[in-house]
Amino acid sequence: MPLKHLCLTGKGAFSSIKEEDKIKYMFKALLLDKRFLILLFVINLFGTIYGYEWYGWQLEKTPDIFLIFVPDSPTASLFFTIFLFFFIFKKHFPLIEALAIITLFKYGVWAVVMNVLTLWINGSLPPEAYMLIVSHAAMAIQGLLYAPFYKIRVVHIVIAAIWTLHNDIIDYVFGMMPIYSSLTDYMNEIGYFTFWLSILSIFIAYRMTISRKNKPSL
């Protein structure tokens, strides 16, 4: 039963459906609520600005040709911020959506793993690192939550995949990866992990958008 029809049929229809379906409808309504979308847009906008500021010292040392590829997480959240801006006005930018879902999951998971690995090696983390763990975990999740609303096609997944894998080459062949001083001895292993995380992120994006839409309905 479509959400719009559910709203029109009133409280009686709502009470007649399964509890699980009620939760799904309410959650979908929350994701589509304009006030919630604006709040999410503002959070991601300020998070993106903070992220670029966090990379400031590394960007100062980065050759101009690589500047666009260095701030991984804030660029991912920038893609999602752009998606939200269009989505609020009921518009779509499918390539940005593909870039958002892939890079949000990839760099969200990557940052969580790197901070946990740093904790394991050092035995402690500064308070802001715990904030980064929480914010990056949320970053990875939010891109997946909006997957049913994306208008992505295969060509968009392919272009976003090329961008993502090319970024890995820039990071681990040309040495432009984010710097975690405690992890410098593990760059080869981290590069290998990051490559397969990219593959996983691309696969998940495909499964949650293209593959899901092509499944025959029962």
Protein backbone atom coordinates (compact mmCIF):
# COMPACT_ATOMS: atom_id res chain seq x y z
CA MET A 1 0.00 0.00 0.00
CA PRO A 2 1.60 3.33 -1.01
CA LEU A 3 2.32 5.85 1.72
CA LYS A 4 0.07 8.44 0.07
CA HIS A 5 -2.86 6.01 -0.02
CA LEU A 6 -2.22 5.06 3.58
CA CYS A 7 -2.53 8.70 4.64
CA LEU A 8 -5.81 9.09 2.72
CA THR A 9 -7.46 5.97 4.09
CA GLY A 10 -7.12 7.17 7.65
CA LYS A 11 -6.36 5.73 11.05
CA GLY A 12 -8.39 2.57 10.56
CA ALA A 13 -6.30 1.39 7.63
CA PHE A 14 -3.13 2.21 9.53
CA SER A 15 -4.22 0.06 12.48
CA SER A 16 -5.04 -2.87 10.19
CA ILE A 17 -1.56 -3.36 8.81
CA LYS A 18 1.29 -5.23 10.48
CA GLU A 19 3.40 -3.51 13.10
CA GLU A 20 6.50 -4.01 10.98
CA ASP A 21 4.84 -2.27 8.05
CA LYS A 22 3.77 0.61 10.28
CA ILE A 23 7.38 1.15 11.31
CA LYS A 24 8.49 1.07 7.66
CA TYR A 25 5.87 3.63 6.65
CA MET A 26 6.72 5.94 9.55
CA PHE A 27 10.44 5.65 8.84
CA LYS A 28 9.88 6.41 5.15
CA ALA A 29 7.74 9.39 6.12
CA LEU A 30 10.57 10.65 8.35
CA LEU A 31 13.15 10.33 5.56
CA LEU A 32 10.88 12.27 3.22
CA ASP A 33 9.85 14.92 5.74
CA LYS A 34 11.04 18.31 4.48
CA ARG A 35 12.01 19.52 7.96
CA PHE A 36 14.12 16.42 8.50
CA LEU A 37 15.73 16.83 5.07
CA ILE A 38 16.63 20.45 5.80
CA LEU A 39 18.11 19.45 9.17
CA LEU A 40 20.13 16.71 7.50
CA PHE A 41 21.26 19.17 4.82
CA VAL A 42 22.48 21.68 7.43
CA ILE A 43 24.30 18.97 9.44
CA ASN A 44 26.04 17.66 6.33
CA LEU A 45 26.89 21.15 5.11
CA PHE A 46 28.61 22.09 8.36
CA GLY A 47 30.20 18.65 8.59
CA THR A 48 31.61 19.11 5.08
CA ILE A 49 33.04 22.53 5.97
CA TYR A 50 34.59 21.10 9.15
CA GLY A 51 36.04 18.22 7.14
CA TYR A 52 37.76 20.50 4.64
CA GLU A 53 39.16 22.54 7.53
CA TRP A 54 40.46 19.32 9.13
CA TYR A 55 42.38 18.56 5.93
CA GLY A 56 43.72 22.12 5.73
CA TRP A 57 47.24 21.37 6.91
CA GLN A 58 47.57 18.42 4.50
CA LEU A 59 46.15 20.41 1.60
CA GLU A 60 48.83 23.06 2.16
CA LYS A 61 51.47 20.41 1.37
CA THR A 62 49.55 18.81 -1.51
CA PRO A 63 50.52 19.49 -5.16
CA ASP A 64 47.75 21.37 -6.95
CA ILE A 65 47.08 18.50 -9.36
CA PHE A 66 46.03 16.25 -6.45
CA LEU A 67 44.03 18.75 -4.38
CA ILE A 68 40.61 17.49 -5.48
CA PHE A 69 41.44 13.91 -4.44
CA VAL A 70 42.87 14.45 -0.95
CA PRO A 71 39.89 15.44 1.27
CA ASP A 72 38.06 12.12 0.89
CA SER A 73 35.40 12.24 3.61
CA PRO A 74 34.33 15.89 3.19
CA THR A 75 34.03 15.41 -0.56
CA ALA A 76 31.82 12.37 0.08
CA SER A 77 29.61 14.39 2.42
CA LEU A 78 29.61 17.23 -0.14
CA PHE A 79 28.14 14.81 -2.71
CA PHE A 80 25.40 13.91 -0.23
CA THR A 81 24.78 17.55 0.65
CA ILE A 82 24.26 18.31 -3.05
CA PHE A 83 21.90 15.32 -3.32
CA LEU A 84 19.89 16.62 -0.34
CA PHE A 85 19.66 20.11 -1.85
CA PHE A 86 18.15 18.72 -5.05
CA PHE A 87 15.99 16.19 -3.19
CA ILE A 88 14.41 18.87 -1.00
CA PHE A 89 13.13 20.48 -4.20
CA LYS A 90 12.06 17.07 -5.58
CA LYS A 91 14.87 17.03 -8.14
CA HIS A 92 17.50 14.39 -8.87
CA PHE A 93 21.17 14.41 -9.88
CA PRO A 94 21.85 10.69 -10.46
CA LEU A 95 25.64 10.92 -10.90
CA ILE A 96 25.96 12.81 -7.62
CA GLU A 97 23.71 10.20 -6.00
CA ALA A 98 26.00 7.39 -7.22
CA LEU A 99 29.10 9.22 -6.01
CA ALA A 100 27.41 9.86 -2.67
CA ILE A 101 26.29 6.33 -1.86
CA ILE A 102 29.64 4.78 -2.84
CA THR A 103 31.98 7.29 -1.23
CA LEU A 104 29.90 7.84 1.91
CA PHE A 105 29.94 4.13 2.70
CA LYS A 106 33.58 3.69 1.73
CA TYR A 107 35.06 6.62 3.64
CA GLY A 108 32.62 6.31 6.52
CA VAL A 109 33.70 2.71 7.14
CA TRP A 110 37.35 3.52 6.36
CA ALA A 111 37.58 6.28 8.96
CA VAL A 112 35.93 4.13 11.64
CA VAL A 113 38.37 1.29 10.96
CA MET A 114 41.41 3.60 10.94
CA ASN A 115 40.44 5.20 14.25
CA VAL A 116 39.76 1.82 15.87
CA LEU A 117 43.10 0.57 14.55
CA THR A 118 44.79 3.66 16.01
CA LEU A 119 43.12 2.93 19.35
CA TRP A 120 44.38 -0.65 19.22
CA ILE A 121 47.95 0.46 18.48
CA ASN A 122 48.16 3.46 20.85
CA GLY A 123 45.83 2.26 23.57
CA SER A 124 43.92 5.55 23.60
CA LEU A 125 42.32 8.18 21.37
CA PRO A 126 41.76 11.93 21.77
CA PRO A 127 38.11 12.94 22.37
CA GLU A 128 37.67 14.27 18.82
CA ALA A 129 38.56 10.82 17.43
CA TYR A 130 35.50 9.31 19.11
CA MET A 131 33.42 12.08 17.56
CA LEU A 132 34.90 11.15 14.19
CA ILE A 133 34.02 7.48 14.72
CA VAL A 134 30.38 8.32 15.44
CA SER A 135 30.05 10.91 12.66
CA HIS A 136 31.67 8.69 10.04
CA ALA A 137 29.54 5.70 11.01
CA ALA A 138 26.48 7.92 10.59
CA MET A 139 27.90 9.13 7.28
CA ALA A 140 28.14 5.57 5.95
CA ILE A 141 24.59 4.73 7.06
CA GLN A 142 22.82 7.83 5.75
CA GLY A 143 23.88 7.24 2.17
CA LEU A 144 22.36 3.75 2.28
CA LEU A 145 19.11 4.91 3.88
CA TYR A 146 18.25 7.05 0.86
CA ALA A 147 19.13 4.34 -1.67
CA PRO A 148 15.44 3.60 -2.48
CA PHE A 149 14.99 7.22 -3.60
CA TYR A 150 18.00 7.48 -5.93
CA LYS A 151 17.51 7.57 -9.71
CA ILE A 152 20.83 5.89 -10.45
CA ARG A 153 21.50 3.97 -13.66
CA VAL A 154 24.39 1.66 -14.55
CA VAL A 155 26.33 4.44 -16.29
CA HIS A 156 26.32 6.47 -13.08
CA ILE A 157 27.63 3.52 -11.07
CA VAL A 158 30.40 3.00 -13.65
CA ILE A 159 31.52 6.65 -13.56
CA ALA A 160 31.40 6.75 -9.76
CA ALA A 161 33.35 3.48 -9.60
CA ILE A 162 36.07 4.91 -11.85
CA TRP A 163 36.29 8.01 -9.65
CA THR A 164 36.52 5.88 -6.50
CA LEU A 165 39.18 3.48 -7.76
CA HIS A 166 41.14 6.32 -9.37
CA ASN A 167 41.13 8.03 -5.97
CA ASP A 168 42.72 4.90 -4.46
CA ILE A 169 45.51 5.12 -7.04
CA ILE A 170 46.12 8.77 -6.18
CA ASP A 171 46.16 7.95 -2.46
CA TYR A 172 48.32 4.82 -2.41
CA VAL A 173 50.44 5.08 -5.56
CA PHE A 174 51.15 8.81 -5.35
CA GLY A 175 51.08 8.94 -1.54
CA MET A 176 48.18 11.34 -1.07
CA MET A 177 46.29 9.24 1.50
CA PRO A 178 45.00 10.79 4.76
CA ILE A 179 47.80 10.80 7.30
CA TYR A 180 47.47 8.84 10.54
CA SER A 181 50.91 9.05 12.11
CA SER A 182 50.46 5.86 14.14
CA LEU A 183 49.60 3.88 11.02
CA THR A 184 52.43 4.85 8.69
CA ASP A 185 54.06 1.43 9.07
CA TYR A 186 50.93 -0.24 7.71
CA MET A 187 50.37 1.73 4.51
CA ASN A 188 50.65 -1.28 2.22
CA GLU A 189 48.08 -3.23 4.23
CA ILE A 190 45.81 -0.19 4.49
CA GLY A 191 46.04 0.38 0.74
CA TYR A 192 45.07 -3.25 0.09
CA PHE A 193 42.16 -3.00 2.54
CA THR A 194 41.02 0.28 0.95
CA PHE A 195 40.97 -1.20 -2.55
CA TRP A 196 38.67 -4.04 -1.49
CA LEU A 197 36.56 -1.64 0.55
CA SER A 198 36.08 0.32 -2.67
CA ILE A 199 34.98 -2.84 -4.49
CA LEU A 200 32.55 -3.66 -1.66
CA SER A 201 31.16 -0.11 -1.70
CA ILE A 202 30.57 -0.24 -5.46
CA PHE A 203 28.91 -3.65 -5.14
CA ILE A 204 26.61 -2.48 -2.33
CA ALA A 205 25.64 0.62 -4.32
CA TYR A 206 24.78 -1.55 -7.32
CA ARG A 207 22.79 -4.04 -5.23
CA MET A 208 20.82 -1.34 -3.41
CA THR A 209 19.96 0.66 -6.53
CA ILE A 210 20.25 -1.03 -9.94
CA SER A 211 19.85 -4.65 -8.84
CA ARG A 212 16.94 -3.93 -6.50
CA LYS A 213 15.04 -1.99 -9.17
CA ASN A 214 15.49 -4.82 -11.67
CA LYS A 215 14.10 -7.49 -9.37
CA PRO A 216 10.68 -8.73 -10.48
CA SER A 217 7.93 -7.98 -8.01
CA LEU A 218 6.09 -10.97 -6.51
